[in-house]
C-alpha atoms as a PDB file:
ATOM      1  CA  MET A   1       0.000   0.000   0.000  1.00  0.00           C
ATOM      2  CA  THR A   2       2.882   2.353   0.720  1.00  0.00           C
ATOM      3  CA  TYR A   3       4.029   1.759  -2.849  1.00  0.00           C
ATOM      4  CA  VAL A   4       0.585   2.750  -4.131  1.00  0.00           C
ATOM      5  CA  ILE A   5       0.701   5.970  -2.107  1.00  0.00           C
ATOM      6  CA  LEU A   6       4.206   6.762  -3.341  1.00  0.00           C
ATOM      7  CA  TYR A   7       3.019   6.044  -6.872  1.00  0.00           C
ATOM      8  CA  ALA A   8       0.135   8.505  -6.408  1.00  0.00           C
ATOM      9  CA  LEU A   9       2.334  11.185  -4.809  1.00  0.00           C
ATOM     10  CA  ALA A  10       5.200  10.901  -7.328  1.00  0.00           C
ATOM     11  CA  PRO A  11       3.532  13.014 -10.057  1.00  0.00           C
ATOM     12  CA  ILE A  12       2.816  15.764  -7.518  1.00  0.00           C
ATOM     13  CA  PHE A  13       6.424  16.076  -6.403  1.00  0.00           C
ATOM     14  CA  ILE A  14       7.861  15.643  -9.893  1.00  0.00           C
ATOM     15  CA  ILE A  15       5.652  18.318 -11.467  1.00  0.00           C
ATOM     16  CA  MET A  16       6.200  20.706  -8.560  1.00  0.00           C
ATOM     17  CA  LEU A  17       9.940  20.034  -8.805  1.00  0.00           C
ATOM     18  CA  LEU A  18       9.880  20.858 -12.517  1.00  0.00           C
ATOM     19  CA  GLY A  19       8.113  24.126 -11.731  1.00  0.00           C
ATOM     20  CA  TYR A  20      10.608  24.820  -8.950  1.00  0.00           C
ATOM     21  CA  PHE A  21      13.512  24.167 -11.322  1.00  0.00           C
ATOM     22  CA  ALA A  22      11.961  26.372 -14.005  1.00  0.00           C
ATOM     23  CA  GLY A  23      11.665  29.206 -11.511  1.00  0.00           C
ATOM     24  CA  LYS A  24      15.092  28.799  -9.911  1.00  0.00           C
ATOM     25  CA  SER A  25      16.849  28.550 -13.261  1.00  0.00           C
ATOM     26  CA  LYS A  26      14.981  31.663 -14.477  1.00  0.00           C
ATOM     27  CA  MET A  27      13.432  29.754 -17.362  1.00  0.00           C
ATOM     28  CA  VAL A  28      10.247  31.292 -15.974  1.00  0.00           C
ATOM     29  CA  ASN A  29       9.999  34.578 -14.114  1.00  0.00           C
ATOM     30  CA  ASN A  30       9.068  33.370 -10.639  1.00  0.00           C
ATOM     31  CA  GLN A  31       8.366  36.938  -9.522  1.00  0.00           C
ATOM     32  CA  ASP A  32       5.526  37.404 -12.012  1.00  0.00           C
ATOM     33  CA  VAL A  33       3.341  34.367 -12.658  1.00  0.00           C
ATOM     34  CA  SER A  34       0.159  36.305 -13.422  1.00  0.00           C
ATOM     35  CA  LEU A  35      -0.315  34.854 -16.922  1.00  0.00           C
ATOM     36  CA  LEU A  36       0.037  31.252 -15.765  1.00  0.00           C
ATOM     37  CA  ASN A  37      -2.174  32.059 -12.789  1.00  0.00           C
ATOM     38  CA  ILE A  38      -4.931  33.320 -15.094  1.00  0.00           C
ATOM     39  CA  PHE A  39      -4.688  30.168 -17.197  1.00  0.00           C
ATOM     40  CA  VAL A  40      -4.929  27.904 -14.138  1.00  0.00           C
ATOM     41  CA  MET A  41      -7.600  29.772 -12.152  1.00  0.00           C
ATOM     42  CA  ASP A  42      -9.802  31.135 -14.942  1.00  0.00           C
ATOM     43  CA  PHE A  43      -9.581  28.400 -17.558  1.00  0.00           C
ATOM     44  CA  ALA A  44      -7.982  25.043 -16.708  1.00  0.00           C
ATOM     45  CA  LEU A  45      -9.347  24.335 -13.214  1.00  0.00           C
ATOM     46  CA  PRO A  46     -12.857  25.723 -13.918  1.00  0.00           C
ATOM     47  CA  ALA A  47     -13.065  23.593 -17.071  1.00  0.00           C
ATOM     48  CA  ALA A  48     -11.991  20.466 -15.197  1.00  0.00           C
ATOM     49  CA  LEU A  49     -14.426  21.068 -12.328  1.00  0.00           C
ATOM     50  CA  PHE A  50     -17.307  21.930 -14.653  1.00  0.00           C
ATOM     51  CA  ALA A  51     -16.754  18.760 -16.666  1.00  0.00           C
ATOM     52  CA  ALA A  52     -16.577  16.665 -13.489  1.00  0.00           C
ATOM     53  CA  THR A  53     -19.816  18.048 -12.020  1.00  0.00           C
ATOM     54  CA  VAL A  54     -21.927  18.320 -15.178  1.00  0.00           C
ATOM     55  CA  GLN A  55     -21.224  14.674 -16.011  1.00  0.00           C
ATOM     56  CA  THR A  56     -22.215  13.553 -12.522  1.00  0.00           C
ATOM     57  CA  PRO A  57     -25.873  12.404 -12.606  1.00  0.00           C
ATOM     58  CA  TRP A  58     -28.061  14.278 -10.104  1.00  0.00           C
ATOM     59  CA  VAL A  59     -29.394  10.974  -8.770  1.00  0.00           C
ATOM     60  CA  GLY A  60     -25.813   9.916  -8.140  1.00  0.00           C
ATOM     61  CA  ILE A  61     -25.081  13.184  -6.362  1.00  0.00           C
ATOM     62  CA  MET A  62     -28.124  12.713  -4.118  1.00  0.00           C
ATOM     63  CA  GLN A  63     -27.014   9.184  -3.289  1.00  0.00           C
ATOM     64  CA  GLN A  64     -23.726  10.664  -2.134  1.00  0.00           C
ATOM     65  CA  THR A  65     -25.477  12.897   0.445  1.00  0.00           C
ATOM     66  CA  PRO A  66     -23.952  11.137   3.507  1.00  0.00           C
ATOM     67  CA  LEU A  67     -20.480  11.497   1.966  1.00  0.00           C
ATOM     68  CA  ILE A  68     -21.127  15.152   1.145  1.00  0.00           C
ATOM     69  CA  LEU A  69     -22.296  15.822   4.703  1.00  0.00           C
ATOM     70  CA  VAL A  70     -19.188  14.323   6.294  1.00  0.00           C
ATOM     71  CA  LEU A  71     -16.778  15.978   3.879  1.00  0.00           C
ATOM     72  CA  VAL A  72     -18.347  19.433   4.183  1.00  0.00           C
ATOM     73  CA  LEU A  73     -18.589  19.361   7.981  1.00  0.00           C
ATOM     74  CA  ALA A  74     -15.023  18.058   8.362  1.00  0.00           C
ATOM     75  CA  MET A  75     -13.728  20.803   6.057  1.00  0.00           C
ATOM     76  CA  TRP A  76     -15.821  23.565   7.650  1.00  0.00           C
ATOM     77  CA  ILE A  77     -14.852  22.590  11.218  1.00  0.00           C
ATOM     78  CA  THR A  78     -11.167  22.478  10.284  1.00  0.00           C
ATOM     79  CA  TYR A  79     -11.419  25.783   8.426  1.00  0.00           C
ATOM     80  CA  ALA A  80     -13.088  27.567  11.348  1.00  0.00           C
ATOM     81  CA  VAL A  81     -10.681  26.271  13.991  1.00  0.00           C
ATOM     82  CA  ILE A  82      -7.475  26.848  12.020  1.00  0.00           C
ATOM     83  CA  TYR A  83      -8.600  30.321  10.929  1.00  0.00           C
ATOM     84  CA  LEU A  84      -9.313  31.323  14.531  1.00  0.00           C
ATOM     85  CA  VAL A  85      -5.971  29.899  15.699  1.00  0.00           C
ATOM     86  CA  CYS A  86      -4.127  31.756  12.937  1.00  0.00           C
ATOM     87  CA  THR A  87      -5.804  35.112  13.571  1.00  0.00           C
ATOM     88  CA  ARG A  88      -6.329  35.053  17.360  1.00  0.00           C
ATOM     89  CA  VAL A  89      -3.374  33.006  18.612  1.00  0.00           C
ATOM     90  CA  LEU A  90      -0.697  33.322  15.926  1.00  0.00           C
ATOM     91  CA  HIS A  91      -1.795  36.878  15.025  1.00  0.00           C
ATOM     92  CA  LYS A  92      -1.643  36.375  11.281  1.00  0.00           C
ATOM     93  CA  SER A  93      -3.305  38.742   8.864  1.00  0.00           C
ATOM     94  CA  ALA A  94      -6.741  37.738   7.614  1.00  0.00           C
ATOM     95  CA  GLN A  95      -5.386  37.214   4.086  1.00  0.00           C
ATOM     96  CA  ASP A  96      -2.489  35.024   5.190  1.00  0.00           C
ATOM     97  CA  ALA A  97      -4.799  33.057   7.491  1.00  0.00           C
ATOM     98  CA  ALA A  98      -7.340  32.547   4.693  1.00  0.00           C
ATOM     99  CA  VAL A  99      -4.729  31.129   2.330  1.00  0.00           C
ATOM    100  CA  LEU A 100      -3.177  28.864   4.970  1.00  0.00           C
ATOM    101  CA  THR A 101      -6.572  27.708   6.204  1.00  0.00           C
ATOM    102  CA  LEU A 102      -7.838  26.746   2.751  1.00  0.00           C
ATOM    103  CA  THR A 103      -4.582  24.877   2.108  1.00  0.00           C
ATOM    104  CA  VAL A 104      -5.128  22.867   5.297  1.00  0.00           C
ATOM    105  CA  ALA A 105      -8.912  22.413   5.219  1.00  0.00           C
ATOM    106  CA  LEU A 106      -9.303  21.430   1.553  1.00  0.00           C
ATOM    107  CA  PRO A 107      -7.614  18.070   0.801  1.00  0.00           C
ATOM    108  CA  ASN A 108      -5.914  17.403  -2.523  1.00  0.00           C
ATOM    109  CA  TYR A 109      -8.913  15.597  -4.030  1.00  0.00           C
ATOM    110  CA  ALA A 110      -7.955  16.442  -7.607  1.00  0.00           C
ATOM    111  CA  ALA A 111      -4.510  14.844  -7.617  1.00  0.00           C
ATOM    112  CA  LEU A 112      -4.788  12.112  -4.970  1.00  0.00           C
ATOM    113  CA  GLY A 113      -8.467  11.188  -4.760  1.00  0.00           C
ATOM    114  CA  LEU A 114      -8.824   8.643  -7.551  1.00  0.00           C
ATOM    115  CA  PRO A 115      -5.390   6.957  -7.202  1.00  0.00           C
ATOM    116  CA  ILE A 116      -5.843   6.357  -3.463  1.00  0.00           C
ATOM    117  CA  LEU A 117      -9.546   5.507  -3.464  1.00  0.00           C
ATOM    118  CA  GLY A 118      -9.158   3.343  -6.557  1.00  0.00           C
ATOM    119  CA  SER A 119      -6.336   1.362  -4.967  1.00  0.00           C
ATOM    120  CA  VAL A 120      -8.361   0.694  -1.812  1.00  0.00           C
ATOM    121  CA  LEU A 121     -11.904   0.201  -3.147  1.00  0.00           C
ATOM    122  CA  GLY A 122     -11.182  -0.521  -6.801  1.00  0.00           C
ATOM    123  CA  GLU A 123     -11.488   1.742  -9.837  1.00  0.00           C
ATOM    124  CA  THR A 124     -15.245   1.544 -10.305  1.00  0.00           C
ATOM    125  CA  PRO A 125     -17.838   4.113 -11.448  1.00  0.00           C
ATOM    126  CA  SER A 126     -18.837   4.610  -7.811  1.00  0.00           C
ATOM    127  CA  THR A 127     -15.318   5.586  -6.739  1.00  0.00           C
ATOM    128  CA  SER A 128     -14.991   7.970  -9.676  1.00  0.00           C
ATOM    129  CA  LEU A 129     -18.338   9.508  -8.717  1.00  0.00           C
ATOM    130  CA  SER A 130     -17.195   9.905  -5.113  1.00  0.00           C
ATOM    131  CA  VAL A 131     -14.064  11.735  -6.231  1.00  0.00           C
ATOM    132  CA  ALA A 132     -16.074  14.005  -8.549  1.00  0.00           C
ATOM    133  CA  VAL A 133     -18.500  14.815  -5.726  1.00  0.00           C
ATOM    134  CA  SER A 134     -15.598  15.531  -3.370  1.00  0.00           C
ATOM    135  CA  ILE A 135     -14.042  17.948  -5.849  1.00  0.00           C
ATOM    136  CA  ALA A 136     -17.402  19.650  -6.306  1.00  0.00           C
ATOM    137  CA  CYS A 137     -17.873  19.991  -2.526  1.00  0.00           C
ATOM    138  CA  GLY A 138     -14.468  21.585  -2.148  1.00  0.00           C
ATOM    139  CA  SER A 139     -14.796  23.996  -5.033  1.00  0.00           C
ATOM    140  CA  VAL A 140     -18.400  25.093  -4.440  1.00  0.00           C
ATOM    141  CA  LEU A 141     -18.636  24.974  -0.629  1.00  0.00           C
ATOM    142  CA  MET A 142     -15.071  25.725   0.523  1.00  0.00           C
ATOM    143  CA  THR A 143     -13.246  28.058  -1.845  1.00  0.00           C
ATOM    144  CA  PRO A 144     -15.817  30.904  -1.526  1.00  0.00           C
ATOM    145  CA  PHE A 145     -14.807  31.311   2.153  1.00  0.00           C
ATOM    146  CA  CYS A 146     -11.245  32.091   1.142  1.00  0.00           C
ATOM    147  CA  LEU A 147     -12.327  34.279  -1.757  1.00  0.00           C
ATOM    148  CA  LEU A 148     -14.676  36.297   0.453  1.00  0.00           C
ATOM    149  CA  ILE A 149     -11.911  37.036   2.950  1.00  0.00           C
ATOM    150  CA  LEU A 150      -9.430  37.957   0.219  1.00  0.00           C
ATOM    151  CA  GLU A 151     -12.016  40.170  -1.475  1.00  0.00           C
ATOM    152  CA  ARG A 152     -12.928  41.798   1.866  1.00  0.00           C
ATOM    153  CA  GLU A 153      -9.321  42.632   2.680  1.00  0.00           C
ATOM    154  CA  LYS A 154      -8.779  43.933  -0.837  1.00  0.00           C
ATOM    155  CA  ALA A 155     -11.837  46.177  -0.417  1.00  0.00           C
ATOM    156  CA  ARG A 156     -10.569  47.394   2.959  1.00  0.00           C
ATOM    157  CA  ALA A 157      -7.189  48.251   1.491  1.00  0.00           C
ATOM    158  CA  SER A 158      -8.722  50.251  -1.310  1.00  0.00           C
ATOM    159  CA  GLY A 159     -11.713  51.817   0.435  1.00  0.00           C
ATOM    160  CA  GLY A 160     -10.882  52.147   4.102  1.00  0.00           C
ATOM    161  CA  SER A 161     -12.995  51.013   7.041  1.00  0.00           C
ATOM    162  CA  GLN A 162     -16.273  51.787   5.298  1.00  0.00           C
ATOM    163  CA  SER A 163     -15.529  49.042   2.783  1.00  0.00           C
ATOM    164  CA  ALA A 164     -15.430  46.521   5.598  1.00  0.00           C
ATOM    165  CA  SER A 165     -19.046  47.108   6.601  1.00  0.00           C
ATOM    166  CA  ALA A 166     -21.611  44.334   6.471  1.00  0.00           C
ATOM    167  CA  ALA A 167     -23.404  46.240   3.720  1.00  0.00           C
ATOM    168  CA  LEU A 168     -20.677  45.197   1.293  1.00  0.00           C
ATOM    169  CA  LEU A 169     -21.132  41.474   1.989  1.00  0.00           C
ATOM    170  CA  PRO A 170     -23.475  40.908  -0.996  1.00  0.00           C
ATOM    171  CA  ILE A 171     -20.989  42.727  -3.248  1.00  0.00           C
ATOM    172  CA  LEU A 172     -18.103  40.627  -1.957  1.00  0.00           C
ATOM    173  CA  MET A 173     -20.124  37.446  -2.421  1.00  0.00           C
ATOM    174  CA  TRP A 174     -20.988  38.486  -5.976  1.00  0.00           C
ATOM    175  CA  ARG A 175     -17.305  39.129  -6.735  1.00  0.00           C
ATOM    176  CA  SER A 176     -16.488  35.638  -5.481  1.00  0.00           C
ATOM    177  CA  VAL A 177     -19.309  33.951  -7.383  1.00  0.00           C
ATOM    178  CA  LYS A 178     -18.280  35.737 -10.593  1.00  0.00           C
ATOM    179  CA  LYS A 179     -14.925  33.973 -10.566  1.00  0.00           C
ATOM    180  CA  PRO A 180     -14.808  31.001 -12.975  1.00  0.00           C
ATOM    181  CA  ILE A 181     -13.305  28.754 -10.281  1.00  0.00           C
ATOM    182  CA  VAL A 182     -16.604  29.109  -8.347  1.00  0.00           C
ATOM    183  CA  TRP A 183     -19.304  29.396 -11.018  1.00  0.00           C
ATOM    184  CA  GLY A 184     -17.730  26.698 -13.223  1.00  0.00           C
ATOM    185  CA  PRO A 185     -18.422  23.723 -10.931  1.00  0.00           C
ATOM    186  CA  LEU A 186     -21.592  25.384  -9.590  1.00  0.00           C
ATOM    187  CA  LEU A 187     -22.975  25.651 -13.125  1.00  0.00           C
ATOM    188  CA  GLY A 188     -22.185  21.968 -13.626  1.00  0.00           C
ATOM    189  CA  VAL A 189     -24.149  21.066 -10.488  1.00  0.00           C
ATOM    190  CA  VAL A 190     -27.134  23.186 -11.579  1.00  0.00           C
ATOM    191  CA  LEU A 191     -27.195  21.680 -15.073  1.00  0.00           C
ATOM    192  CA  SER A 192     -26.956  18.202 -13.576  1.00  0.00           C
ATOM    193  CA  ALA A 193     -29.873  18.985 -11.254  1.00  0.00           C
ATOM    194  CA  PHE A 194     -32.019  19.981 -14.245  1.00  0.00           C
ATOM    195  CA  GLY A 195     -31.006  16.883 -16.156  1.00  0.00           C
ATOM    196  CA  VAL A 196     -29.197  18.821 -18.875  1.00  0.00           C
ATOM    197  CA  THR A 197     -26.810  16.659 -20.886  1.00  0.00           C
ATOM    198  CA  MET A 198     -23.890  18.521 -22.357  1.00  0.00           C
ATOM    199  CA  PRO A 199     -23.177  17.847 -26.049  1.00  0.00           C
ATOM    200  CA  GLY A 200     -20.247  15.521 -26.566  1.00  0.00           C
ATOM    201  CA  ILE A 201     -18.450  18.104 -28.670  1.00  0.00           C
ATOM    202  CA  VAL A 202     -18.482  20.585 -25.745  1.00  0.00           C
ATOM    203  CA  LEU A 203     -17.025  18.045 -23.342  1.00  0.00           C
ATOM    204  CA  ALA A 204     -14.451  17.027 -25.957  1.00  0.00           C
ATOM    205  CA  ALA A 205     -13.456  20.668 -26.391  1.00  0.00           C
ATOM    206  CA  LEU A 206     -13.034  21.122 -22.627  1.00  0.00           C
ATOM    207  CA  LYS A 207     -11.143  17.871 -22.094  1.00  0.00           C
ATOM    208  CA  PRO A 208      -7.641  19.177 -22.952  1.00  0.00           C
ATOM    209  CA  LEU A 209      -8.108  22.062 -20.504  1.00  0.00           C
ATOM    210  CA  GLY A 210      -9.287  19.643 -17.846  1.00  0.00           C
ATOM    211  CA  LEU A 211      -6.320  17.354 -18.390  1.00  0.00           C
ATOM    212  CA  ALA A 212      -3.973  20.315 -18.019  1.00  0.00           C
ATOM    213  CA  ALA A 213      -5.607  21.600 -14.827  1.00  0.00           C
ATOM    214  CA  THR A 214      -3.863  19.602 -12.106  1.00  0.00           C
ATOM    215  CA  ALA A 215      -0.479  19.558 -13.826  1.00  0.00           C
ATOM    216  CA  SER A 216      -0.491  23.294 -14.521  1.00  0.00           C
ATOM    217  CA  ALA A 217      -1.614  24.091 -10.962  1.00  0.00           C
ATOM    218  CA  LEU A 218       1.183  21.958  -9.504  1.00  0.00           C
ATOM    219  CA  PHE A 219       3.724  23.458 -11.919  1.00  0.00           C
ATOM    220  CA  LEU A 220       2.565  26.938 -10.897  1.00  0.00           C
ATOM    221  CA  THR A 221       2.898  25.992  -7.229  1.00  0.00           C
ATOM    222  CA  GLY A 222       6.476  24.857  -7.864  1.00  0.00           C
ATOM    223  CA  ILE A 223       7.296  28.183  -9.541  1.00  0.00           C
ATOM    224  CA  ILE A 224       5.801  30.079  -6.596  1.00  0.00           C
ATOM    225  CA  LEU A 225       7.824  27.988  -4.137  1.00  0.00           C
ATOM    226  CA  SER A 226      11.036  28.687  -6.062  1.00  0.00           C
ATOM    227  CA  ALA A 227      10.729  32.381  -5.240  1.00  0.00           C
ATOM    228  CA  ARG A 228      11.021  31.884  -1.469  1.00  0.00           C
ATOM    229  CA  GLN A 229      12.532  29.742   1.244  1.00  0.00           C
ATOM    230  CA  VAL A 230      10.488  27.037   2.936  1.00  0.00           C
ATOM    231  CA  LYS A 231      10.665  27.407   6.719  1.00  0.00           C
ATOM    232  CA  ILE A 232       9.170  25.154   9.377  1.00  0.00           C
ATOM    233  CA  ASN A 233       7.592  27.027  12.301  1.00  0.00           C
ATOM    234  CA  THR A 234       4.762  26.692  14.813  1.00  0.00           C
ATOM    235  CA  ALA A 235       2.071  27.508  12.250  1.00  0.00           C
ATOM    236  CA  VAL A 236       3.369  24.855   9.840  1.00  0.00           C
ATOM    237  CA  VAL A 237       3.586  22.190  12.553  1.00  0.00           C
ATOM    238  CA  ILE A 238       0.053  22.932  13.794  1.00  0.00           C
ATOM    239  CA  SER A 239      -1.285  22.980  10.237  1.00  0.00           C
ATOM    240  CA  CYS A 240       0.250  19.637   9.283  1.00  0.00           C
ATOM    241  CA  ILE A 241      -0.889  17.907  12.465  1.00  0.00           C
ATOM    242  CA  ALA A 242      -4.382  19.304  11.919  1.00  0.00           C
ATOM    243  CA  LYS A 243      -4.463  18.240   8.265  1.00  0.00           C
ATOM    244  CA  ASN A 244      -2.882  14.814   8.427  1.00  0.00           C
ATOM    245  CA  LEU A 245      -4.177  13.568  11.787  1.00  0.00           C
ATOM    246  CA  ILE A 246      -6.880  15.691  13.426  1.00  0.00           C
ATOM    247  CA  GLN A 247      -9.067  16.332  10.370  1.00  0.00           C
ATOM    248  CA  PRO A 248      -9.332  12.618   9.430  1.00  0.00           C
ATOM    249  CA  PHE A 249     -10.319  11.796  13.019  1.00  0.00           C
ATOM    250  CA  ILE A 250     -12.964  14.554  12.825  1.00  0.00           C
ATOM    251  CA  ALA A 251     -14.310  12.783   9.741  1.00  0.00           C
ATOM    252  CA  TRP A 252     -14.174   9.479  11.616  1.00  0.00           C
ATOM    253  CA  GLY A 253     -16.177  10.983  14.486  1.00  0.00           C
ATOM    254  CA  LEU A 254     -18.781  12.290  12.041  1.00  0.00           C
ATOM    255  CA  VAL A 255     -19.007   8.868  10.394  1.00  0.00           C
ATOM    256  CA  LEU A 256     -19.721   7.290  13.785  1.00  0.00           C
ATOM    257  CA  ALA A 257     -22.158  10.062  14.746  1.00  0.00           C
ATOM    258  CA  PHE A 258     -24.184   9.536  11.553  1.00  0.00           C
ATOM    259  CA  GLY A 259     -24.037   5.756  11.858  1.00  0.00           C
ATOM    260  CA  LEU A 260     -22.322   5.301   8.503  1.00  0.00           C
ATOM    261  CA  SER A 261     -20.513   2.109   7.503  1.00  0.00           C
ATOM    262  CA  GLY A 262     -19.157   0.276   4.513  1.00  0.00           C
ATOM    263  CA  GLN A 263     -17.795   1.978   1.419  1.00  0.00           C
ATOM    264  CA  VAL A 264     -19.242   5.420   2.173  1.00  0.00           C
ATOM    265  CA  ALA A 265     -17.549   5.485   5.598  1.00  0.00           C
ATOM    266  CA  VAL A 266     -14.191   4.423   4.166  1.00  0.00           C
ATOM    267  CA  THR A 267     -14.485   6.922   1.334  1.00  0.00           C
ATOM    268  CA  ALA A 268     -15.305   9.820   3.670  1.00  0.00           C
ATOM    269  CA  ILE A 269     -12.377   9.139   5.999  1.00  0.00           C
ATOM    270  CA  LEU A 270      -9.796   8.468   3.289  1.00  0.00           C
ATOM    271  CA  MET A 271     -10.766  11.481   1.193  1.00  0.00           C
ATOM    272  CA  ILE A 272     -10.333  13.759   4.213  1.00  0.00           C
ATOM    273  CA  ALA A 273      -7.072  11.974   5.099  1.00  0.00           C
ATOM    274  CA  LEU A 274      -5.454  13.099   1.815  1.00  0.00           C
ATOM    275  CA  ALA A 275      -2.621  15.625   1.921  1.00  0.00           C
ATOM    276  CA  ALA A 276      -3.149  19.390   1.852  1.00  0.00           C
ATOM    277  CA  GLY A 277      -4.303  20.893  -1.447  1.00  0.00           C
ATOM    278  CA  PHE A 278      -2.794  23.621  -3.605  1.00  0.00           C
ATOM    279  CA  PHE A 279      -5.919  25.779  -4.101  1.00  0.00           C
ATOM    280  CA  GLY A 280      -5.075  28.116  -1.226  1.00  0.00           C
ATOM    281  CA  ILE A 281      -1.618  28.980  -2.534  1.00  0.00           C
ATOM    282  CA  VAL A 282      -2.849  29.541  -6.079  1.00  0.00           C
ATOM    283  CA  PHE A 283      -5.768  31.681  -4.840  1.00  0.00           C
ATOM    284  CA  GLY A 284      -3.461  33.768  -2.664  1.00  0.00           C
ATOM    285  CA  ASN A 285      -1.069  34.376  -5.502  1.00  0.00           C
ATOM    286  CA  ARG A 286      -3.945  35.616  -7.651  1.00  0.00           C
ATOM    287  CA  PHE A 287      -4.629  38.290  -5.004  1.00  0.00           C
ATOM    288  CA  GLY A 288      -0.960  39.084  -4.463  1.00  0.00           C
ATOM    289  CA  VAL A 289      -0.946  37.289  -1.097  1.00  0.00           C
ATOM    290  CA  GLN A 290       2.111  35.182  -0.346  1.00  0.00           C
ATOM    291  CA  SER A 291       1.872  32.711   2.513  1.00  0.00           C
ATOM    292  CA  PRO A 292       5.187  30.950   3.207  1.00  0.00           C
ATOM    293  CA  ASP A 293       3.456  28.917   5.916  1.00  0.00           C
ATOM    294  CA  ALA A 294       0.864  27.620   3.441  1.00  0.00           C
ATOM    295  CA  GLU A 295       3.605  26.679   0.991  1.00  0.00           C
ATOM    296  CA  ALA A 296       5.598  24.854   3.661  1.00  0.00           C
ATOM    297  CA  SER A 297       2.453  23.131   4.935  1.00  0.00           C
ATOM    298  CA  LEU A 298       1.667  21.871   1.438  1.00  0.00           C
ATOM    299  CA  LEU A 299       5.094  20.269   1.085  1.00  0.00           C
ATOM    300  CA  VAL A 300       5.325  18.849   4.623  1.00  0.00           C
ATOM    301  CA  SER A 301       1.756  17.521   4.547  1.00  0.00           C
ATOM    302  CA  SER A 302       2.412  15.754   1.241  1.00  0.00           C
ATOM    303  CA  VAL A 303       5.511  14.082   2.682  1.00  0.00           C
ATOM    304  CA  LEU A 304       3.761  13.092   5.933  1.00  0.00           C
ATOM    305  CA  CYS A 305       0.931  11.646   3.858  1.00  0.00           C
ATOM    306  CA  ILE A 306       3.258   8.746   3.019  1.00  0.00           C
ATOM    307  CA  LEU A 307       3.005   7.739   6.689  1.00  0.00           C
ATOM    308  CA  THR A 308      -0.465   8.881   7.724  1.00  0.00           C
ATOM    309  CA  LEU A 309      -2.456   7.533   4.769  1.00  0.00           C
ATOM    310  CA  PRO A 310      -1.381   3.896   5.357  1.00  0.00           C
ATOM    311  CA  LEU A 311      -2.428   4.414   8.988  1.00  0.00           C
ATOM    312  CA  PHE A 312      -5.978   5.385   8.071  1.00  0.00           C
ATOM    313  CA  ILE A 313      -6.184   2.781   5.318  1.00  0.00           C
ATOM    314  CA  THR A 314      -5.289   0.160   7.934  1.00  0.00           C
ATOM    315  CA  LEU A 315      -7.719   1.555  10.521  1.00  0.00           C
ATOM    316  CA  THR A 316     -10.607   1.559   8.035  1.00  0.00           C
ATOM    317  CA  ALA A 317      -9.835  -1.889   6.602  1.00  0.00           C
ATOM    318  CA  SER A 318     -12.483  -3.547   8.799  1.00  0.00           C
ATOM    319  CA  MET A 319     -15.216  -1.187   7.504  1.00  0.00           C
ATOM    320  CA  HIS A 320     -15.398  -2.736   4.023  1.00  0.00           C
END
């Protein structure tokens, strides 16, 4: 099983390393990645998430309700706690805390979900559906939190204290919803709910963008990392412990509380037990927010995943 996990993690490290090398060697300007950021955040990832959600039958999504409930609650609880710790205890700025918190709370479903779940439960339509639903949950129900905070702080910086008033909340929410990374998967969910079947030619046209999404996001993350030094501190240690150990046990507690068992229980725990995701770092970079702690947490969490994932795979073995 450790080999399977290493096999799943290898592309992540290799692609990030290529991006890191490209930045360090000045093949790419690691101080200005705005063009690549636009491609990743406004085109590649939205296309991939839209395709994943619009092709997911609404009946199938409804059948995944217990999984959705566990995933969303585990992510929301982690997000709230880590954000409060970052802002109240570690005294980080709201922007830095938002980026770090999303990195920790949102697992790397896109890159690790199918390889890990497929190796444990088999590569079946149900596992693929579970991964698609997980990605949709993260993109539609998690990323807006980070975007709202980043938009709020941007408004404060440009408009003073008046811009921070509650009256601007609808405007900030609209700015977040307007971003392709949010409305892309949300549109897919809505179309699926209405039973709309996308023409094959549309899905075929989007497929190359979707295939490039994860690789380009990881490459971009490597370029971003090449511009600064990775340092381990209290925030990174807390974040990695929360991501790799505490959050999966939160999911486990929710599974027990809801009386879940079998494949859905295993899926919920293992999906939450995946390493930290790269969305937070990419989002922050789009807003000009650099979070060295988020970058370090991404790397350390991915390495620790080699040890923690086999632990949770072993612990959940009796459930299926």
